[in-house]
Amino acid sequence: MEQLSLHQLYSPKSEFYQPPSPSDLVHTSSYELSSGFIALVQKNSFSGKDSENPYHHLCEFEQVCSCLTILGMTHETLKWKLFPFSLSDDAKQWYSRVVGSVHGNWFELRDKFCSAFSPLPRICALRAEVLTFRQNEKESIGVVWGRFTLLVQSGPDLFLPKYMLLQHFLRGLTRSLHTTSTSLLEDRLHI
């Protein structure tokens, strides 16, 4: 067995800089991810701080990735290859620990990412905020609906049926707007 020097033992290995192969085969002989596109992905990096929302990060990341198509490569493979460039600090360390356990599966990596950076207390707080949603004073129906939909989309699926979300939205409206909205809805749904 070859003796390794202290320097060789502590030197970073290339396996940390290149993710394992994706589960989907790449059906192209060569491709290049441009440095400009990588820079665009890095511009909106996620570090894992409590103030950051992993769902917003993934939404923006997937939107950026949808702008690039490489012949012979699925979008999932493209996301797999670009995702490490969208991470920094604690999130980059998390990626290094987890990437080998997902066997090249983008969806599994994405789910583990959301689970790791959305602790249960944050999810419970989001659910409580949705269920106790209230309209602000002098807020129009359009603005309040926009705020409510952003709130619902700011985290994982809360497993609340759409009719229940609508009920909580309506209950959170001011009295006059609630009456008007309920009438309009009843007319629209022929109740």
Protein backbone atom coordinates (compact mmCIF):
# COMPACT_ATOMS: atom_id res chain seq x y z
CA MET A 1 0.00 0.00 0.00
CA GLU A 2 1.31 3.40 -0.98
CA GLN A 3 2.17 5.82 1.83
CA LEU A 4 0.43 9.17 1.46
CA SER A 5 2.06 12.40 2.58
CA LEU A 6 0.30 14.71 5.04
CA HIS A 7 -0.30 17.14 2.18
CA GLN A 8 -1.98 14.43 0.06
CA LEU A 9 -4.24 13.42 2.95
CA TYR A 10 -5.52 16.95 3.52
CA SER A 11 -5.71 18.13 -0.09
CA PRO A 12 -9.22 18.49 -1.47
CA LYS A 13 -10.15 15.81 -3.94
CA SER A 14 -11.93 16.48 -7.21
CA GLU A 15 -14.95 14.45 -6.07
CA PHE A 16 -16.00 17.46 -3.99
CA TYR A 17 -16.04 19.75 -7.01
CA GLN A 18 -17.97 17.60 -9.44
CA PRO A 19 -21.27 15.99 -8.50
CA PRO A 20 -21.75 12.29 -9.12
CA SER A 21 -23.35 11.32 -12.39
CA PRO A 22 -27.08 11.98 -12.68
CA SER A 23 -29.48 9.07 -12.83
CA ASP A 24 -30.62 10.09 -16.35
CA LEU A 25 -28.13 9.32 -19.07
CA VAL A 26 -26.70 12.20 -21.07
CA HIS A 27 -27.25 11.39 -24.75
CA THR A 28 -24.78 13.84 -26.19
CA SER A 29 -21.08 13.43 -26.83
CA SER A 30 -20.15 16.88 -25.61
CA TYR A 31 -21.77 19.87 -23.99
CA GLU A 32 -20.61 22.97 -22.21
CA LEU A 33 -22.24 24.94 -19.44
CA SER A 34 -21.24 28.51 -20.19
CA SER A 35 -19.53 30.51 -17.47
CA GLY A 36 -22.16 33.24 -17.94
CA PHE A 37 -24.97 30.82 -17.21
CA ILE A 38 -23.14 29.44 -14.17
CA ALA A 39 -22.62 33.02 -12.95
CA LEU A 40 -26.37 33.64 -13.35
CA VAL A 41 -27.10 30.58 -11.19
CA GLN A 42 -24.52 31.68 -8.59
CA LYS A 43 -26.00 35.19 -8.45
CA ASN A 44 -29.04 33.87 -6.55
CA SER A 45 -27.17 31.49 -4.27
CA PHE A 46 -28.67 29.88 -1.18
CA SER A 47 -26.50 29.71 1.94
CA GLY A 48 -28.84 27.99 4.40
CA LYS A 49 -29.48 30.94 6.70
CA ASP A 50 -32.77 30.92 8.66
CA SER A 51 -33.92 34.04 6.82
CA GLU A 52 -33.74 32.27 3.44
CA ASN A 53 -36.59 30.27 1.98
CA PRO A 54 -35.52 27.05 0.22
CA TYR A 55 -38.78 26.91 -1.76
CA HIS A 56 -38.22 30.38 -3.19
CA HIS A 57 -34.64 29.44 -4.03
CA LEU A 58 -35.76 26.28 -5.86
CA CYS A 59 -38.46 28.16 -7.74
CA GLU A 60 -35.96 30.76 -8.97
CA PHE A 61 -33.33 28.10 -9.70
CA GLU A 62 -35.74 25.99 -11.75
CA GLN A 63 -36.95 29.08 -13.61
CA VAL A 64 -33.36 29.95 -14.59
CA CYS A 65 -32.67 26.33 -15.62
CA SER A 66 -35.77 26.30 -17.82
CA CYS A 67 -34.11 28.95 -20.00
CA LEU A 68 -31.36 26.54 -21.07
CA THR A 69 -31.77 23.46 -23.22
CA ILE A 70 -28.97 21.08 -24.14
CA LEU A 71 -29.73 18.59 -26.86
CA GLY A 72 -29.60 15.05 -25.44
CA MET A 73 -29.91 16.16 -21.79
CA THR A 74 -33.09 16.17 -19.70
CA HIS A 75 -33.96 19.24 -17.64
CA GLU A 76 -33.57 17.12 -14.49
CA THR A 77 -29.98 16.28 -15.46
CA LEU A 78 -29.28 19.94 -16.19
CA LYS A 79 -30.63 20.92 -12.75
CA TRP A 80 -28.54 18.16 -11.18
CA LYS A 81 -25.39 19.55 -12.78
CA LEU A 82 -26.11 23.22 -12.01
CA PHE A 83 -27.53 22.89 -8.49
CA PRO A 84 -24.18 22.87 -6.62
CA PHE A 85 -23.37 26.23 -8.23
CA SER A 86 -26.50 27.70 -6.63
CA LEU A 87 -25.34 26.88 -3.10
CA SER A 88 -22.88 28.52 -0.71
CA ASP A 89 -21.74 28.30 2.91
CA ASP A 90 -23.75 25.82 5.04
CA ALA A 91 -25.89 24.74 2.10
CA LYS A 92 -22.77 23.84 0.07
CA GLN A 93 -21.49 21.76 3.01
CA TRP A 94 -24.88 20.05 3.28
CA TYR A 95 -24.72 19.25 -0.44
CA SER A 96 -21.29 17.65 -0.08
CA ARG A 97 -22.61 15.36 2.67
CA VAL A 98 -25.85 14.37 0.93
CA VAL A 99 -25.17 14.23 -2.80
CA GLY A 100 -23.76 10.70 -2.77
CA SER A 101 -26.83 9.26 -1.05
CA VAL A 102 -29.36 10.30 -3.70
CA HIS A 103 -27.84 8.27 -6.55
CA GLY A 104 -28.11 10.99 -9.18
CA ASN A 105 -31.84 11.54 -8.65
CA TRP A 106 -32.75 15.24 -8.98
CA PHE A 107 -36.16 14.85 -7.36
CA GLU A 108 -34.74 13.09 -4.32
CA LEU A 109 -32.02 15.74 -3.97
CA ARG A 110 -34.62 18.50 -4.23
CA ASP A 111 -36.83 16.87 -1.57
CA LYS A 112 -33.89 16.36 0.80
CA PHE A 113 -32.87 19.98 0.27
CA CYS A 114 -36.35 21.21 1.23
CA SER A 115 -36.49 18.92 4.27
CA ALA A 116 -33.06 19.99 5.47
CA PHE A 117 -33.70 23.72 5.23
CA SER A 118 -37.39 23.83 6.22
CA PRO A 119 -37.51 22.56 9.77
CA LEU A 120 -40.83 21.32 11.15
CA PRO A 121 -41.40 24.40 13.39
CA ARG A 122 -41.17 26.66 10.32
CA ILE A 123 -43.70 24.51 8.44
CA CYS A 124 -46.06 24.51 11.46
CA ALA A 125 -45.75 28.30 11.72
CA LEU A 126 -46.58 28.65 8.01
CA ARG A 127 -49.64 26.45 8.39
CA ALA A 128 -50.80 28.50 11.39
CA GLU A 129 -50.24 31.73 9.46
CA VAL A 130 -52.36 30.44 6.54
CA LEU A 131 -55.14 29.29 8.87
CA THR A 132 -55.24 32.62 10.74
CA PHE A 133 -54.76 34.86 7.69
CA ARG A 134 -56.29 38.35 7.98
CA GLN A 135 -56.76 41.20 5.55
CA ASN A 136 -54.87 44.38 6.42
CA GLU A 137 -56.75 47.63 6.84
CA LYS A 138 -57.62 49.33 3.52
CA GLU A 139 -56.11 46.45 1.53
CA SER A 140 -57.84 45.78 -1.81
CA ILE A 141 -59.13 42.33 -2.75
CA GLY A 142 -56.43 41.96 -5.41
CA VAL A 143 -53.62 42.81 -3.02
CA VAL A 144 -54.94 40.60 -0.23
CA TRP A 145 -55.42 37.66 -2.64
CA GLY A 146 -51.87 38.12 -3.97
CA ARG A 147 -50.48 38.18 -0.44
CA PHE A 148 -52.45 35.04 0.47
CA THR A 149 -51.33 33.07 -2.59
CA LEU A 150 -47.69 34.05 -1.99
CA LEU A 151 -48.03 32.88 1.60
CA VAL A 152 -49.48 29.51 0.56
CA GLN A 153 -46.73 29.02 -2.04
CA SER A 154 -43.89 30.02 0.29
CA GLY A 155 -43.43 26.51 1.66
CA PRO A 156 -44.23 22.86 1.20
CA ASP A 157 -47.66 21.47 0.43
CA LEU A 158 -49.67 22.04 3.61
CA PHE A 159 -52.11 19.26 2.68
CA LEU A 160 -55.06 21.64 2.91
CA PRO A 161 -57.69 21.13 0.20
CA LYS A 162 -58.30 24.15 -2.06
CA TYR A 163 -61.82 24.67 -0.74
CA MET A 164 -60.41 24.89 2.81
CA LEU A 165 -57.78 27.42 1.74
CA LEU A 166 -60.53 29.48 0.13
CA GLN A 167 -62.64 29.31 3.32
CA HIS A 168 -59.73 30.58 5.42
CA PHE A 169 -59.06 33.32 2.91
CA LEU A 170 -62.70 34.44 3.00
CA ARG A 171 -62.80 34.33 6.81
CA GLY A 172 -59.76 36.58 6.88
CA LEU A 173 -61.41 39.32 4.85
CA THR A 174 -62.95 42.40 6.44
CA ARG A 175 -66.70 42.11 7.06
CA SER A 176 -67.83 44.22 4.06
CA LEU A 177 -65.41 42.60 1.63
CA HIS A 178 -66.26 39.14 2.97
CA THR A 179 -69.98 39.68 2.27
CA THR A 180 -69.32 41.02 -1.24
CA SER A 181 -66.84 38.22 -2.07
CA THR A 182 -69.15 35.51 -0.74
CA SER A 183 -72.06 36.85 -2.83
CA LEU A 184 -69.93 36.99 -5.95
CA LEU A 185 -68.64 33.48 -5.35
CA GLU A 186 -72.15 32.12 -4.77
CA ASP A 187 -73.34 33.74 -7.99
CA ARG A 188 -70.33 32.40 -9.87
CA LEU A 189 -70.69 28.88 -8.48
CA HIS A 190 -74.53 28.94 -8.70
CA ILE A 191 -74.98 28.11 -5.03
